[in-house]
Amino acid sequence: MKIYTKTGDKGETSFYGGERVLKDDPRIEALGALDELNSVLGITLCFTEDQKLRTVLLKIQNDLFTVGADIAAHSTTTTPKIQENHIIEMEQWIDEIETKLGMPQKFILPHGTISSSFLHLCRTITRRAERTIVHAHNTKAMNNNVLRYINRLSDLLYVLARDANKEIEFKEQQPIYKYFNDQPS
């Protein structure tokens, strides 16, 4: 079998179950954003040596395929679904890390170690994926746990990025707001 099927040459694609849609369908946009996120997580793994973090990131990569299956599935097909336990697991990871780090009182700059910087990039891509998923959800109802999962994922990636900096005692920095509008309105 060849990688190219030519079935998408006119701007259409198929979901599992056979439903044909245009490639700019909001669900296809959401799947593309998830694919991008998963790829950047893969790059992040190349720069991550901490075994516990690697295990979490690999779990997320696999979960993202479940998120994608959940979005792409026709209501009559049997596919993996994002469940409450996916969300609970992430909340437990977040709580464990926050106990160690505390919450910053101000915004922080998204930088530091290579691993932390990539995790921040993953977080921002997750936020964009979330916006596309919300749009897709407004177009065609889907499992509400998908929305909860993707929202929680950006929180997890945020604390993971902070934790990656904490491991080498990189000092978090707040943004410097150089110019203020001193003119009265």
Protein backbone atom coordinates (compact mmCIF):
# COMPACT_ATOMS: atom_id res chain seq x y z
CA MET A 1 0.00 0.00 0.00
CA LYS A 2 1.28 3.48 -0.85
CA ILE A 3 1.29 6.44 1.51
CA TYR A 4 -0.56 8.56 -1.01
CA THR A 5 -4.15 7.63 -1.77
CA LYS A 6 -5.12 10.66 -3.91
CA THR A 7 -8.47 10.73 -2.08
CA GLY A 8 -7.61 14.12 -0.58
CA ASP A 9 -6.58 15.80 -3.80
CA LYS A 10 -9.79 17.85 -3.90
CA GLY A 11 -9.49 19.14 -0.33
CA GLU A 12 -11.45 16.42 1.41
CA THR A 13 -10.53 13.76 3.94
CA SER A 14 -12.27 10.98 5.82
CA PHE A 15 -12.89 10.32 9.46
CA TYR A 16 -12.86 6.85 10.93
CA GLY A 17 -16.24 5.44 9.95
CA GLY A 18 -16.13 6.94 6.48
CA GLU A 19 -17.55 10.45 6.98
CA ARG A 20 -16.05 12.73 4.28
CA VAL A 21 -15.33 16.34 5.24
CA LEU A 22 -13.42 19.29 3.86
CA LYS A 23 -9.88 19.61 5.18
CA ASP A 24 -10.78 22.95 6.76
CA ASP A 25 -13.48 21.33 8.92
CA PRO A 26 -13.00 22.56 12.52
CA ARG A 27 -12.43 18.98 13.69
CA ILE A 28 -9.62 18.58 11.15
CA GLU A 29 -8.13 21.87 12.40
CA ALA A 30 -8.28 20.52 15.96
CA LEU A 31 -6.65 17.24 14.92
CA GLY A 32 -3.89 19.18 13.14
CA ALA A 33 -3.22 21.26 16.26
CA LEU A 34 -3.04 18.07 18.35
CA ASP A 35 -0.64 16.52 15.83
CA GLU A 36 1.59 19.60 16.03
CA LEU A 37 1.51 19.47 19.83
CA ASN A 38 2.40 15.78 19.82
CA SER A 39 5.32 16.43 17.47
CA VAL A 40 6.70 19.22 19.66
CA LEU A 41 6.33 16.96 22.70
CA GLY A 42 8.49 14.49 20.77
CA ILE A 43 11.13 17.18 20.24
CA THR A 44 10.90 18.08 23.92
CA LEU A 45 11.66 14.47 24.81
CA CYS A 46 14.94 14.79 22.86
CA PHE A 47 16.02 17.46 25.35
CA THR A 48 14.67 15.86 28.51
CA GLU A 49 16.84 13.62 30.64
CA ASP A 50 14.68 13.39 33.76
CA GLN A 51 13.11 9.92 33.62
CA LYS A 52 9.96 10.83 35.55
CA LEU A 53 9.30 13.77 33.22
CA ARG A 54 9.96 11.54 30.19
CA THR A 55 7.39 9.05 31.49
CA VAL A 56 4.79 11.81 31.91
CA LEU A 57 5.45 13.23 28.44
CA LEU A 58 5.19 9.81 26.80
CA LYS A 59 1.88 9.25 28.60
CA ILE A 60 0.64 12.61 27.30
CA GLN A 61 1.70 11.70 23.76
CA ASN A 62 -0.34 8.52 23.93
CA ASP A 63 -3.29 10.35 25.52
CA LEU A 64 -3.27 12.86 22.66
CA PHE A 65 -4.01 10.01 20.26
CA THR A 66 -7.01 9.19 22.44
CA VAL A 67 -8.08 12.85 22.32
CA GLY A 68 -7.79 12.73 18.53
CA ALA A 69 -9.77 9.51 18.29
CA ASP A 70 -12.43 11.01 20.53
CA ILE A 71 -12.72 14.09 18.28
CA ALA A 72 -12.67 12.14 15.02
CA ALA A 73 -15.02 9.34 16.03
CA HIS A 74 -18.47 9.11 14.59
CA SER A 75 -21.03 8.68 17.35
CA THR A 76 -21.71 5.09 16.26
CA THR A 77 -18.06 3.95 16.22
CA THR A 78 -16.25 2.35 19.09
CA THR A 79 -13.02 4.24 19.74
CA PRO A 80 -10.96 5.14 22.79
CA LYS A 81 -12.41 8.02 24.83
CA ILE A 82 -10.92 10.55 27.21
CA GLN A 83 -12.27 9.63 30.62
CA GLU A 84 -12.44 11.27 34.02
CA ASN A 85 -9.43 9.21 35.16
CA HIS A 86 -7.22 10.93 32.53
CA ILE A 87 -8.08 14.28 34.07
CA ILE A 88 -7.71 13.10 37.68
CA GLU A 89 -4.26 11.73 36.90
CA MET A 90 -3.12 15.09 35.53
CA GLU A 91 -4.59 16.94 38.50
CA GLN A 92 -2.62 14.66 40.84
CA TRP A 93 0.61 15.41 38.94
CA ILE A 94 -0.15 19.15 39.06
CA ASP A 95 -0.90 19.05 42.79
CA GLU A 96 2.30 17.12 43.51
CA ILE A 97 4.44 19.63 41.61
CA GLU A 98 2.65 22.71 42.97
CA THR A 99 3.24 21.47 46.51
CA LYS A 100 6.95 21.60 45.77
CA LEU A 101 6.97 24.87 43.79
CA GLY A 102 4.16 27.04 45.08
CA MET A 103 2.38 29.40 42.72
CA PRO A 104 4.11 32.55 41.45
CA GLN A 105 2.34 35.78 42.39
CA LYS A 106 3.05 37.38 39.01
CA PHE A 107 3.53 36.34 35.41
CA ILE A 108 6.85 34.68 34.63
CA LEU A 109 8.92 34.73 31.48
CA PRO A 110 8.71 31.45 29.55
CA HIS A 111 12.39 30.53 29.44
CA GLY A 112 15.13 28.81 31.35
CA THR A 113 16.50 25.38 30.64
CA ILE A 114 16.10 23.83 27.21
CA SER A 115 13.57 21.38 28.61
CA SER A 116 11.60 24.15 30.33
CA SER A 117 11.59 26.31 27.21
CA PHE A 118 10.24 23.45 25.11
CA LEU A 119 7.61 22.68 27.75
CA HIS A 120 6.48 26.32 27.61
CA LEU A 121 6.25 26.00 23.82
CA CYS A 122 4.14 22.86 24.28
CA ARG A 123 1.92 24.81 26.70
CA THR A 124 1.28 27.58 24.17
CA ILE A 125 0.55 25.08 21.40
CA THR A 126 -1.84 23.33 23.80
CA ARG A 127 -3.68 26.63 24.34
CA ARG A 128 -4.03 27.05 20.58
CA ALA A 129 -5.20 23.46 20.24
CA GLU A 130 -7.73 24.17 22.97
CA ARG A 131 -9.12 27.12 20.98
CA THR A 132 -9.52 24.93 17.89
CA ILE A 133 -11.18 22.18 19.95
CA VAL A 134 -13.62 24.68 21.47
CA HIS A 135 -14.50 25.85 17.95
CA ALA A 136 -14.94 22.25 16.79
CA HIS A 137 -17.07 21.49 19.87
CA ASN A 138 -19.30 24.45 19.06
CA THR A 139 -19.72 23.07 15.54
CA LYS A 140 -20.33 19.46 16.52
CA ALA A 141 -20.87 18.28 20.08
CA MET A 142 -18.18 16.04 21.49
CA ASN A 143 -17.11 14.44 24.74
CA ASN A 144 -16.86 17.23 27.35
CA ASN A 145 -13.90 15.42 28.90
CA VAL A 146 -11.88 16.36 25.81
CA LEU A 147 -12.27 20.04 26.69
CA ARG A 148 -11.42 19.39 30.33
CA TYR A 149 -8.40 17.27 29.38
CA ILE A 150 -6.87 19.84 27.04
CA ASN A 151 -7.46 22.67 29.52
CA ARG A 152 -5.80 20.71 32.31
CA LEU A 153 -2.94 19.73 30.01
CA SER A 154 -1.81 23.33 29.58
CA ASP A 155 -1.80 23.70 33.38
CA LEU A 156 0.29 20.55 33.70
CA LEU A 157 2.77 21.71 31.07
CA TYR A 158 3.10 25.04 32.88
CA VAL A 159 4.03 23.42 36.19
CA LEU A 160 6.30 20.92 34.42
CA ALA A 161 8.15 23.83 32.77
CA ARG A 162 8.55 25.56 36.12
CA ASP A 163 9.70 22.31 37.71
CA ALA A 164 12.30 21.76 34.98
CA ASN A 165 13.79 25.14 35.90
CA LYS A 166 13.60 24.45 39.63
CA GLU A 167 15.66 21.28 39.23
CA ILE A 168 18.73 23.41 38.42
CA GLU A 169 17.60 26.34 40.58
CA PHE A 170 16.98 28.63 37.62
CA LYS A 171 15.46 31.78 39.07
CA GLU A 172 12.07 32.63 37.59
CA GLN A 173 11.87 36.14 36.24
CA GLN A 174 8.89 38.41 35.91
CA PRO A 175 8.43 40.50 32.79
CA ILE A 176 9.81 44.03 32.90
CA TYR A 177 7.20 46.47 31.69
CA LYS A 178 9.47 49.12 30.27
CA TYR A 179 6.95 51.67 29.07
CA PHE A 180 3.84 52.87 30.79
CA ASN A 181 1.23 55.17 29.44
CA ASP A 182 1.71 58.24 31.64
CA GLN A 183 -0.83 60.29 29.73
CA PRO A 184 -4.14 60.93 31.48
CA SER A 185 -7.12 59.58 29.57
